[in-house]
Structures are given as C-alpha cells and as structure tokens.
Amino acid sequence: VSVCRFEVGVCDMRRLVPLRRKDAMERITEAAAVGTETD
C-alpha cells in the first residue's frame, strides 16, 4: 500500500455486489447457462 499508485477514496474501485448463498447459486446457474459475465 505504501508504494501503490491506487488511492482509496480518490480512484474508482470495482464495486461488487455481496451475495447470499442462495442468490449466488441462482446467478451462477444463470451465468453458466447463457455464458454471461459477472456484473
């Protein structure tokens, strides 16, 4: 972190959606069926 170019709070982060186990199973099944990427 002391030499990283990324500054938390200034640079944009990849904000990922936390998923419960049930929701993750549903999204994984959908993604595997249609070949979509995560969002």
PDB file of all heavy atoms in Angstrom:
ATOM      1  N   VAL A   1       0.819  -1.212   0.000  1.00  0.00           N
ATOM      2  CA  VAL A   1       0.000   0.000   0.000  1.00  0.00           C
ATOM      3  C   VAL A   1       0.859   1.270   0.000  1.00  0.00           C
ATOM      4  O   VAL A   1       0.461   2.303  -0.546  1.00  0.00           O
ATOM      5  CB  VAL A   1      -0.976  -0.020   1.202  1.00  0.00           C
ATOM      6  CG1 VAL A   1      -0.214   0.039   2.525  1.00  0.00           C
ATOM      7  CG2 VAL A   1      -1.976   1.126   1.108  1.00  0.00           C
ATOM      8  N   SER A   2       2.051   1.208   0.574  1.00  0.00           N
ATOM      9  CA  SER A   2       2.884   2.406   0.666  1.00  0.00           C
ATOM     10  C   SER A   2       3.466   2.834  -0.675  1.00  0.00           C
ATOM     11  O   SER A   2       3.868   3.991  -0.841  1.00  0.00           O
ATOM     12  CB  SER A   2       4.021   2.184   1.675  1.00  0.00           C
ATOM     13  OG  SER A   2       4.848   1.108   1.257  1.00  0.00           O
ATOM     14  N   VAL A   3       3.523   1.924  -1.626  1.00  0.00           N
ATOM     15  CA  VAL A   3       4.092   2.263  -2.941  1.00  0.00           C
ATOM     16  C   VAL A   3       3.069   2.126  -4.060  1.00  0.00           C
ATOM     17  O   VAL A   3       3.394   2.346  -5.225  1.00  0.00           O
ATOM     18  CB  VAL A   3       5.318   1.366  -3.260  1.00  0.00           C
ATOM     19  CG1 VAL A   3       6.434   1.641  -2.273  1.00  0.00           C
ATOM     20  CG2 VAL A   3       4.938  -0.099  -3.254  1.00  0.00           C
ATOM     21  N   CYS A   4       1.845   1.795  -3.729  1.00  0.00           N
ATOM     22  CA  CYS A   4       0.820   1.573  -4.747  1.00  0.00           C
ATOM     23  C   CYS A   4       0.359   2.907  -5.344  1.00  0.00           C
ATOM     24  O   CYS A   4       0.268   3.930  -4.648  1.00  0.00           O
ATOM     25  CB  CYS A   4      -0.363   0.831  -4.140  1.00  0.00           C
ATOM     26  SG  CYS A   4      -1.696   0.490  -5.321  1.00  0.00           S
ATOM     27  N   ARG A   5       0.051   2.892  -6.627  1.00  0.00           N
ATOM     28  CA  ARG A   5      -0.441   4.098  -7.302  1.00  0.00           C
ATOM     29  C   ARG A   5      -1.919   4.356  -7.010  1.00  0.00           C
ATOM     30  O   ARG A   5      -2.431   5.423  -7.319  1.00  0.00           O
ATOM     31  CB  ARG A   5      -0.255   3.964  -8.819  1.00  0.00           C
ATOM     32  CG  ARG A   5       1.192   3.909  -9.245  1.00  0.00           C
ATOM     33  CD  ARG A   5       1.315   3.895 -10.765  1.00  0.00           C
ATOM     34  NE  ARG A   5       0.887   2.624 -11.338  1.00  0.00           N
ATOM     35  CZ  ARG A   5      -0.121   2.489 -12.178  1.00  0.00           C
ATOM     36  NH1 ARG A   5      -0.855   3.517 -12.514  1.00  0.00           N
ATOM     37  NH2 ARG A   5      -0.411   1.304 -12.685  1.00  0.00           N
ATOM     38  N   PHE A   6      -2.604   3.357  -6.455  1.00  0.00           N
ATOM     39  CA  PHE A   6      -4.048   3.481  -6.235  1.00  0.00           C
ATOM     40  C   PHE A   6      -4.307   4.211  -4.919  1.00  0.00           C
ATOM     41  O   PHE A   6      -3.743   3.859  -3.873  1.00  0.00           O
ATOM     42  CB  PHE A   6      -4.685   2.089  -6.191  1.00  0.00           C
ATOM     43  CG  PHE A   6      -6.187   2.117  -6.186  1.00  0.00           C
ATOM     44  CD1 PHE A   6      -6.902   2.142  -7.369  1.00  0.00           C
ATOM     45  CD2 PHE A   6      -6.888   2.130  -4.993  1.00  0.00           C
ATOM     46  CE1 PHE A   6      -8.286   2.178  -7.367  1.00  0.00           C
ATOM     47  CE2 PHE A   6      -8.269   2.151  -4.981  1.00  0.00           C
ATOM     48  CZ  PHE A   6      -8.967   2.184  -6.169  1.00  0.00           C
ATOM     49  N   GLU A   7      -5.169   5.208  -4.950  1.00  0.00           N
ATOM     50  CA  GLU A   7      -5.518   5.961  -3.750  1.00  0.00           C
ATOM     51  C   GLU A   7      -6.974   5.704  -3.410  1.00  0.00           C
ATOM     52  O   GLU A   7      -7.885   6.096  -4.144  1.00  0.00           O
ATOM     53  CB  GLU A   7      -5.288   7.460  -3.966  1.00  0.00           C
ATOM     54  CG  GLU A   7      -3.827   7.823  -4.195  1.00  0.00           C
ATOM     55  CD  GLU A   7      -3.627   9.328  -4.266  1.00  0.00           C
ATOM     56  OE1 GLU A   7      -4.367  10.065  -3.578  1.00  0.00           O
ATOM     57  OE2 GLU A   7      -2.746   9.763  -5.031  1.00  0.00           O
ATOM     58  N   VAL A   8      -7.186   5.037  -2.292  1.00  0.00           N
ATOM     59  CA  VAL A   8      -8.542   4.730  -1.839  1.00  0.00           C
ATOM     60  C   VAL A   8      -9.287   6.035  -1.557  1.00  0.00           C
ATOM     61  O   VAL A   8      -8.771   6.922  -0.875  1.00  0.00           O
ATOM     62  CB  VAL A   8      -8.509   3.842  -0.580  1.00  0.00           C
ATOM     63  CG1 VAL A   8      -9.928   3.583  -0.082  1.00  0.00           C
ATOM     64  CG2 VAL A   8      -7.799   2.531  -0.877  1.00  0.00           C
ATOM     65  N   GLY A   9     -10.489   6.150  -2.073  1.00  0.00           N
ATOM     66  CA  GLY A   9     -11.282   7.358  -1.885  1.00  0.00           C
ATOM     67  C   GLY A   9     -11.131   8.346  -3.019  1.00  0.00           C
ATOM     68  O   GLY A   9     -11.957   9.257  -3.162  1.00  0.00           O
ATOM     69  N   VAL A  10     -10.076   8.185  -3.806  1.00  0.00           N
ATOM     70  CA  VAL A  10      -9.852   9.069  -4.949  1.00  0.00           C
ATOM     71  C   VAL A  10     -10.079   8.313  -6.254  1.00  0.00           C
ATOM     72  O   VAL A  10     -10.761   8.800  -7.162  1.00  0.00           O
ATOM     73  CB  VAL A  10      -8.429   9.661  -4.920  1.00  0.00           C
ATOM     74  CG1 VAL A  10      -8.183  10.524  -6.163  1.00  0.00           C
ATOM     75  CG2 VAL A  10      -8.219  10.463  -3.648  1.00  0.00           C
ATOM     76  N   CYS A  11      -9.500   7.119  -6.341  1.00  0.00           N
ATOM     77  CA  CYS A  11      -9.646   6.302  -7.544  1.00  0.00           C
ATOM     78  C   CYS A  11     -10.894   5.422  -7.434  1.00  0.00           C
ATOM     79  O   CYS A  11     -11.335   5.076  -6.337  1.00  0.00           O
ATOM     80  CB  CYS A  11      -8.414   5.417  -7.742  1.00  0.00           C
ATOM     81  SG  CYS A  11      -6.866   6.354  -7.850  1.00  0.00           S
ATOM     82  N   ASP A  12     -11.444   5.071  -8.579  1.00  0.00           N
ATOM     83  CA  ASP A  12     -12.620   4.214  -8.608  1.00  0.00           C
ATOM     84  C   ASP A  12     -12.234   2.766  -8.332  1.00  0.00           C
ATOM     85  O   ASP A  12     -11.237   2.262  -8.846  1.00  0.00           O
ATOM     86  CB  ASP A  12     -13.304   4.289  -9.979  1.00  0.00           C
ATOM     87  CG  ASP A  12     -13.963   5.631 -10.208  1.00  0.00           C
ATOM     88  OD1 ASP A  12     -14.342   6.268  -9.205  1.00  0.00           O
ATOM     89  OD2 ASP A  12     -14.098   6.042 -11.378  1.00  0.00           O
ATOM     90  N   MET A  13     -13.037   2.095  -7.523  1.00  0.00           N
ATOM     91  CA  MET A  13     -12.835   0.672  -7.242  1.00  0.00           C
ATOM     92  C   MET A  13     -13.894  -0.124  -7.989  1.00  0.00           C
ATOM     93  O   MET A  13     -14.931   0.412  -8.392  1.00  0.00           O
ATOM     94  CB  MET A  13     -12.932   0.387  -5.739  1.00  0.00           C
ATOM     95  CG  MET A  13     -11.999   1.189  -4.862  1.00  0.00           C
ATOM     96  SD  MET A  13     -12.033   0.641  -3.142  1.00  0.00           S
ATOM     97  CE  MET A  13     -11.004  -0.803  -3.216  1.00  0.00           C
ATOM     98  N   ARG A  14     -13.615  -1.382  -8.185  1.00  0.00           N
ATOM     99  CA  ARG A  14     -14.645  -2.285  -8.720  1.00  0.00           C
ATOM    100  C   ARG A  14     -15.576  -2.640  -7.575  1.00  0.00           C
ATOM    101  O   ARG A  14     -15.204  -3.383  -6.669  1.00  0.00           O
ATOM    102  CB  ARG A  14     -14.011  -3.550  -9.298  1.00  0.00           C
ATOM    103  CG  ARG A  14     -13.232  -3.326 -10.569  1.00  0.00           C
ATOM    104  CD  ARG A  14     -12.763  -4.652 -11.139  1.00  0.00           C
ATOM    105  NE  ARG A  14     -11.836  -5.310 -10.231  1.00  0.00           N
ATOM    106  CZ  ARG A  14     -11.847  -6.623  -9.951  1.00  0.00           C
ATOM    107  NH1 ARG A  14     -12.761  -7.410 -10.489  1.00  0.00           N
ATOM    108  NH2 ARG A  14     -10.955  -7.143  -9.143  1.00  0.00           N
ATOM    109  N   ARG A  15     -16.764  -2.141  -7.600  1.00  0.00           N
ATOM    110  CA  ARG A  15     -17.712  -2.380  -6.513  1.00  0.00           C
ATOM    111  C   ARG A  15     -18.563  -3.596  -6.866  1.00  0.00           C
ATOM    112  O   ARG A  15     -19.385  -3.543  -7.785  1.00  0.00           O
ATOM    113  CB  ARG A  15     -18.571  -1.146  -6.255  1.00  0.00           C
ATOM    114  CG  ARG A  15     -17.742   0.063  -5.842  1.00  0.00           C
ATOM    115  CD  ARG A  15     -18.574   1.252  -5.445  1.00  0.00           C
ATOM    116  NE  ARG A  15     -17.743   2.374  -5.067  1.00  0.00           N
ATOM    117  CZ  ARG A  15     -17.206   2.544  -3.853  1.00  0.00           C
ATOM    118  NH1 ARG A  15     -17.456   1.654  -2.896  1.00  0.00           N
ATOM    119  NH2 ARG A  15     -16.444   3.598  -3.603  1.00  0.00           N
ATOM    120  N   LEU A  16     -18.352  -4.670  -6.136  1.00  0.00           N
ATOM    121  CA  LEU A  16     -19.033  -5.932  -6.392  1.00  0.00           C
ATOM    122  C   LEU A  16     -20.196  -6.113  -5.423  1.00  0.00           C
ATOM    123  O   LEU A  16     -20.136  -5.682  -4.267  1.00  0.00           O
ATOM    124  CB  LEU A  16     -18.054  -7.099  -6.261  1.00  0.00           C
ATOM    125  CG  LEU A  16     -16.792  -7.014  -7.126  1.00  0.00           C
ATOM    126  CD1 LEU A  16     -15.909  -8.233  -6.889  1.00  0.00           C
ATOM    127  CD2 LEU A  16     -17.152  -6.888  -8.601  1.00  0.00           C
ATOM    128  N   VAL A  17     -21.227  -6.762  -5.900  1.00  0.00           N
ATOM    129  CA  VAL A  17     -22.439  -6.961  -5.104  1.00  0.00           C
ATOM    130  C   VAL A  17     -22.254  -8.146  -4.156  1.00  0.00           C
ATOM    131  O   VAL A  17     -21.978  -9.263  -4.611  1.00  0.00           O
ATOM    132  CB  VAL A  17     -23.643  -7.237  -6.024  1.00  0.00           C
ATOM    133  CG1 VAL A  17     -24.915  -7.429  -5.193  1.00  0.00           C
ATOM    134  CG2 VAL A  17     -23.823  -6.119  -7.031  1.00  0.00           C
ATOM    135  N   PRO A  18     -22.366  -7.942  -2.835  1.00  0.00           N
ATOM    136  CA  PRO A  18     -22.334  -9.085  -1.911  1.00  0.00           C
ATOM    137  C   PRO A  18     -23.553  -9.974  -2.160  1.00  0.00           C
ATOM    138  O   PRO A  18     -24.668  -9.471  -2.340  1.00  0.00           O
ATOM    139  CB  PRO A  18     -22.392  -8.442  -0.523  1.00  0.00           C
ATOM    140  CG  PRO A  18     -22.060  -6.994  -0.744  1.00  0.00           C
ATOM    141  CD  PRO A  18     -22.526  -6.662  -2.125  1.00  0.00           C
ATOM    142  N   LEU A  19     -23.363 -11.264  -2.176  1.00  0.00           N
ATOM    143  CA  LEU A  19     -24.441 -12.197  -2.475  1.00  0.00           C
ATOM    144  C   LEU A  19     -24.592 -13.238  -1.385  1.00  0.00           C
ATOM    145  O   LEU A  19     -23.601 -13.795  -0.915  1.00  0.00           O
ATOM    146  CB  LEU A  19     -24.173 -12.915  -3.813  1.00  0.00           C
ATOM    147  CG  LEU A  19     -24.082 -12.051  -5.068  1.00  0.00           C
ATOM    148  CD1 LEU A  19     -23.629 -12.887  -6.244  1.00  0.00           C
ATOM    149  CD2 LEU A  19     -25.419 -11.387  -5.356  1.00  0.00           C
ATOM    150  N   ARG A  20     -25.838 -13.476  -0.994  1.00  0.00           N
ATOM    151  CA  ARG A  20     -26.103 -14.610  -0.127  1.00  0.00           C
ATOM    152  C   ARG A  20     -25.934 -15.899  -0.930  1.00  0.00           C
ATOM    153  O   ARG A  20     -25.962 -15.877  -2.157  1.00  0.00           O
ATOM    154  CB  ARG A  20     -27.517 -14.523   0.445  1.00  0.00           C
ATOM    155  CG  ARG A  20     -27.723 -13.335   1.377  1.00  0.00           C
ATOM    156  CD  ARG A  20     -29.152 -13.267   1.859  1.00  0.00           C
ATOM    157  NE  ARG A  20     -30.089 -13.106   0.738  1.00  0.00           N
ATOM    158  CZ  ARG A  20     -31.396 -13.070   0.868  1.00  0.00           C
ATOM    159  NH1 ARG A  20     -31.957 -13.191   2.063  1.00  0.00           N
ATOM    160  NH2 ARG A  20     -32.173 -12.906  -0.187  1.00  0.00           N
ATOM    161  N   ARG A  21     -25.777 -17.005  -0.232  1.00  0.00           N
ATOM    162  CA  ARG A  21     -25.519 -18.278  -0.906  1.00  0.00           C
ATOM    163  C   ARG A  21     -26.605 -18.604  -1.928  1.00  0.00           C
ATOM    164  O   ARG A  21     -26.310 -19.017  -3.053  1.00  0.00           O
ATOM    165  CB  ARG A  21     -25.421 -19.399   0.135  1.00  0.00           C
ATOM    166  CG  ARG A  21     -25.096 -20.770  -0.459  1.00  0.00           C
ATOM    167  CD  ARG A  21     -24.995 -21.812   0.642  1.00  0.00           C
ATOM    168  NE  ARG A  21     -24.840 -23.154   0.102  1.00  0.00           N
ATOM    169  CZ  ARG A  21     -23.704 -23.680  -0.263  1.00  0.00           C
ATOM    170  NH1 ARG A  21     -22.596 -22.985  -0.147  1.00  0.00           N
ATOM    171  NH2 ARG A  21     -23.651 -24.911  -0.738  1.00  0.00           N
ATOM    172  N   LYS A  22     -27.869 -18.405  -1.560  1.00  0.00           N
ATOM    173  CA  LYS A  22     -28.970 -18.702  -2.474  1.00  0.00           C
ATOM    174  C   LYS A  22     -28.891 -17.835  -3.721  1.00  0.00           C
ATOM    175  O   LYS A  22     -29.045 -18.331  -4.848  1.00  0.00           O
ATOM    176  CB  LYS A  22     -30.307 -18.476  -1.764  1.00  0.00           C
ATOM    177  CG  LYS A  22     -31.520 -18.715  -2.651  1.00  0.00           C
ATOM    178  CD  LYS A  22     -32.816 -18.429  -1.897  1.00  0.00           C
ATOM    179  CE  LYS A  22     -34.019 -18.622  -2.810  1.00  0.00           C
ATOM    180  NZ  LYS A  22     -35.287 -18.316  -2.107  1.00  0.00           N
ATOM    181  N   ASP A  23     -28.650 -16.537  -3.529  1.00  0.00           N
ATOM    182  CA  ASP A  23     -28.572 -15.627  -4.671  1.00  0.00           C
ATOM    183  C   ASP A  23     -27.373 -15.952  -5.558  1.00  0.00           C
ATOM    184  O   ASP A  23     -27.460 -15.877  -6.795  1.00  0.00           O
ATOM    185  CB  ASP A  23     -28.475 -14.182  -4.180  1.00  0.00           C
ATOM    186  CG  ASP A  23     -29.723 -13.754  -3.410  1.00  0.00           C
ATOM    187  OD1 ASP A  23     -30.799 -14.298  -3.716  1.00  0.00           O
ATOM    188  OD2 ASP A  23     -29.608 -12.902  -2.521  1.00  0.00           O
ATOM    189  N   ALA A  24     -26.250 -16.320  -4.925  1.00  0.00           N
ATOM    190  CA  ALA A  24     -25.060 -16.679  -5.706  1.00  0.00           C
ATOM    191  C   ALA A  24     -25.325 -17.911  -6.551  1.00  0.00           C
ATOM    192  O   ALA A  24     -24.919 -17.979  -7.722  1.00  0.00           O
ATOM    193  CB  ALA A  24     -23.878 -16.913  -4.768  1.00  0.00           C
ATOM    194  N   MET A  25     -26.021 -18.902  -5.981  1.00  0.00           N
ATOM    195  CA  MET A  25     -26.348 -20.116  -6.737  1.00  0.00           C
ATOM    196  C   MET A  25     -27.199 -19.779  -7.952  1.00  0.00           C
ATOM    197  O   MET A  25     -26.978 -20.306  -9.048  1.00  0.00           O
ATOM    198  CB  MET A  25     -27.083 -21.112  -5.841  1.00  0.00           C
ATOM    199  CG  MET A  25     -26.208 -21.831  -4.839  1.00  0.00           C
ATOM    200  SD  MET A  25     -27.173 -23.020  -3.868  1.00  0.00           S
ATOM    201  CE  MET A  25     -25.868 -23.908  -3.023  1.00  0.00           C
ATOM    202  N   GLU A  26     -28.179 -18.905  -7.764  1.00  0.00           N
ATOM    203  CA  GLU A  26     -29.062 -18.539  -8.865  1.00  0.00           C
ATOM    204  C   GLU A  26     -28.283 -17.816  -9.967  1.00  0.00           C
ATOM    205  O   GLU A  26     -28.449 -18.116 -11.157  1.00  0.00           O
ATOM    206  CB  GLU A  26     -30.194 -17.654  -8.348  1.00  0.00           C
ATOM    207  CG  GLU A  26     -31.181 -18.387  -7.443  1.00  0.00           C
ATOM    208  CD  GLU A  26     -32.252 -17.471  -6.879  1.00  0.00           C
ATOM    209  OE1 GLU A  26     -32.134 -16.231  -7.098  1.00  0.00           O
ATOM    210  OE2 GLU A  26     -33.188 -17.968  -6.235  1.00  0.00           O
ATOM    211  N   ARG A  27     -27.416 -16.888  -9.587  1.00  0.00           N
ATOM    212  CA  ARG A  27     -26.657 -16.142 -10.593  1.00  0.00           C
ATOM    213  C   ARG A  27     -25.638 -17.034 -11.303  1.00  0.00           C
ATOM    214  O   ARG A  27     -25.407 -16.879 -12.511  1.00  0.00           O
ATOM    215  CB  ARG A  27     -25.954 -14.955  -9.930  1.00  0.00           C
ATOM    216  CG  ARG A  27     -26.903 -13.899  -9.416  1.00  0.00           C
ATOM    217  CD  ARG A  27     -26.195 -12.573  -9.301  1.00  0.00           C
ATOM    218  NE  ARG A  27     -27.060 -11.542  -8.742  1.00  0.00           N
ATOM    219  CZ  ARG A  27     -26.767 -10.255  -8.763  1.00  0.00           C
ATOM    220  NH1 ARG A  27     -25.642  -9.840  -9.328  1.00  0.00           N
ATOM    221  NH2 ARG A  27     -27.578  -9.375  -8.235  1.00  0.00           N
ATOM    222  N   ILE A  28     -25.010 -17.926 -10.554  1.00  0.00           N
ATOM    223  CA  ILE A  28     -24.044 -18.844 -11.169  1.00  0.00           C
ATOM    224  C   ILE A  28     -24.740 -19.732 -12.190  1.00  0.00           C
ATOM    225  O   ILE A  28     -24.240 -19.949 -13.296  1.00  0.00           O
ATOM    226  CB  ILE A  28     -23.346 -19.686 -10.086  1.00  0.00           C
ATOM    227  CG1 ILE A  28     -22.338 -18.834  -9.317  1.00  0.00           C
ATOM    228  CG2 ILE A  28     -22.646 -20.900 -10.704  1.00  0.00           C
ATOM    229  CD1 ILE A  28     -21.729 -19.530  -8.123  1.00  0.00           C
ATOM    230  N   THR A  29     -25.914 -20.235 -11.835  1.00  0.00           N
ATOM    231  CA  THR A  29     -26.664 -21.093 -12.745  1.00  0.00           C
ATOM    232  C   THR A  29     -27.057 -20.333 -14.006  1.00  0.00           C
ATOM    233  O   THR A  29     -26.936 -20.851 -15.121  1.00  0.00           O
ATOM    234  CB  THR A  29     -27.913 -21.647 -12.045  1.00  0.00           C
ATOM    235  OG1 THR A  29     -27.519 -22.361 -10.860  1.00  0.00           O
ATOM    236  CG2 THR A  29     -28.669 -22.600 -12.954  1.00  0.00           C
ATOM    237  N   GLU A  30     -27.523 -19.093 -13.839  1.00  0.00           N
ATOM    238  CA  GLU A  30     -27.901 -18.274 -14.999  1.00  0.00           C
ATOM    239  C   GLU A  30     -26.686 -17.969 -15.870  1.00  0.00           C
ATOM    240  O   GLU A  30     -26.750 -18.057 -17.099  1.00  0.00           O
ATOM    241  CB  GLU A  30     -28.555 -16.980 -14.515  1.00  0.00           C
ATOM    242  CG  GLU A  30     -29.897 -17.182 -13.830  1.00  0.00           C
ATOM    243  CD  GLU A  30     -30.417 -15.909 -13.208  1.00  0.00           C
ATOM    244  OE1 GLU A  30     -29.700 -14.870 -13.299  1.00  0.00           O
ATOM    245  OE2 GLU A  30     -31.506 -15.924 -12.604  1.00  0.00           O
ATOM    246  N   ALA A  31     -25.565 -17.604 -15.232  1.00  0.00           N
ATOM    247  CA  ALA A  31     -24.370 -17.241 -15.991  1.00  0.00           C
ATOM    248  C   ALA A  31     -23.819 -18.439 -16.749  1.00  0.00           C
ATOM    249  O   ALA A  31     -23.377 -18.321 -17.898  1.00  0.00           O
ATOM    250  CB  ALA A  31     -23.305 -16.673 -15.053  1.00  0.00           C
ATOM    251  N   ALA A  32     -23.847 -19.620 -16.118  1.00  0.00           N
ATOM    252  CA  ALA A  32     -23.340 -20.817 -16.779  1.00  0.00           C
ATOM    253  C   ALA A  32     -24.213 -21.216 -17.954  1.00  0.00           C
ATOM    254  O   ALA A  32     -23.732 -21.779 -18.941  1.00  0.00           O
ATOM    255  CB  ALA A  32     -23.251 -21.969 -15.772  1.00  0.00           C
ATOM    256  N   ALA A  33     -25.518 -20.902 -17.847  1.00  0.00           N
ATOM    257  CA  ALA A  33     -26.449 -21.291 -18.911  1.00  0.00           C
ATOM    258  C   ALA A  33     -26.324 -20.396 -20.140  1.00  0.00           C
ATOM    259  O   ALA A  33     -26.393 -20.869 -21.276  1.00  0.00           O
ATOM    260  CB  ALA A  33     -27.880 -21.268 -18.387  1.00  0.00           C
ATOM    261  N   VAL A  34     -26.113 -19.109 -19.933  1.00  0.00           N
ATOM    262  CA  VAL A  34     -26.105 -18.176 -21.064  1.00  0.00           C
ATOM    263  C   VAL A  34     -24.724 -17.623 -21.374  1.00  0.00           C
ATOM    264  O   VAL A  34     -24.541 -16.890 -22.338  1.00  0.00           O
ATOM    265  CB  VAL A  34     -27.085 -17.007 -20.806  1.00  0.00           C
ATOM    266  CG1 VAL A  34     -28.484 -17.523 -20.628  1.00  0.00           C
ATOM    267  CG2 VAL A  34     -26.642 -16.191 -19.597  1.00  0.00           C
ATOM    268  N   GLY A  35     -23.736 -17.955 -20.530  1.00  0.00           N
ATOM    269  CA  GLY A  35     -22.373 -17.510 -20.790  1.00  0.00           C
ATOM    270  C   GLY A  35     -22.133 -16.059 -20.524  1.00  0.00           C
ATOM    271  O   GLY A  35     -21.226 -15.445 -21.067  1.00  0.00           O
ATOM    272  N   THR A  36     -22.939 -15.437 -19.631  1.00  0.00           N
ATOM    273  CA  THR A  36     -22.757 -14.033 -19.308  1.00  0.00           C
ATOM    274  C   THR A  36     -21.662 -13.876 -18.275  1.00  0.00           C
ATOM    275  O   THR A  36     -21.342 -14.802 -17.534  1.00  0.00           O
ATOM    276  CB  THR A  36     -24.060 -13.434 -18.764  1.00  0.00           C
ATOM    277  OG1 THR A  36     -24.486 -14.181 -17.611  1.00  0.00           O
ATOM    278  CG2 THR A  36     -25.131 -13.468 -19.810  1.00  0.00           C
ATOM    279  N   GLU A  37     -21.124 -12.674 -18.193  1.00  0.00           N
ATOM    280  CA  GLU A  37     -20.103 -12.378 -17.216  1.00  0.00           C
ATOM    281  C   GLU A  37     -20.745 -11.763 -15.973  1.00  0.00           C
ATOM    282  O   GLU A  37     -21.897 -11.363 -15.984  1.00  0.00           O
ATOM    283  CB  GLU A  37     -19.070 -11.401 -17.794  1.00  0.00           C
ATOM    284  CG  GLU A  37     -18.328 -11.978 -19.004  1.00  0.00           C
ATOM    285  CD  GLU A  37     -17.232 -11.043 -19.478  1.00  0.00           C
ATOM    286  OE1 GLU A  37     -17.028 -10.011 -18.799  1.00  0.00           O
ATOM    287  OE2 GLU A  37     -16.597 -11.347 -20.482  1.00  0.00           O
ATOM    288  N   THR A  38     -19.972 -11.730 -14.892  1.00  0.00           N
ATOM    289  CA  THR A  38     -20.471 -11.149 -13.656  1.00  0.00           C
ATOM    290  C   THR A  38     -20.625  -9.647 -13.834  1.00  0.00           C
ATOM    291  O   THR A  38     -20.028  -9.026 -14.689  1.00  0.00           O
ATOM    292  CB  THR A  38     -19.508 -11.435 -12.515  1.00  0.00           C
ATOM    293  OG1 THR A  38     -18.221 -10.912 -12.857  1.00  0.00           O
ATOM    294  CG2 THR A  38     -19.393 -12.913 -12.255  1.00  0.00           C
ATOM    295  N   ASP A  39     -21.450  -9.062 -12.965  1.00  0.00           N
ATOM    296  CA  ASP A  39     -21.703  -7.627 -13.051  1.00  0.00           C
ATOM    297  C   ASP A  39     -21.268  -6.929 -11.773  1.00  0.00           C
ATOM    298  O   ASP A  39     -21.087  -7.546 -10.741  1.00  0.00           O
ATOM    299  CB  ASP A  39     -23.193  -7.359 -13.298  1.00  0.00           C
ATOM    300  CG  ASP A  39     -24.057  -7.927 -12.198  1.00  0.00           C
ATOM    301  OD1 ASP A  39     -23.672  -8.943 -11.589  1.00  0.00           O
ATOM    302  OD2 ASP A  39     -25.121  -7.350 -11.937  1.00  0.00           O
TER     303      ASP A  39
END
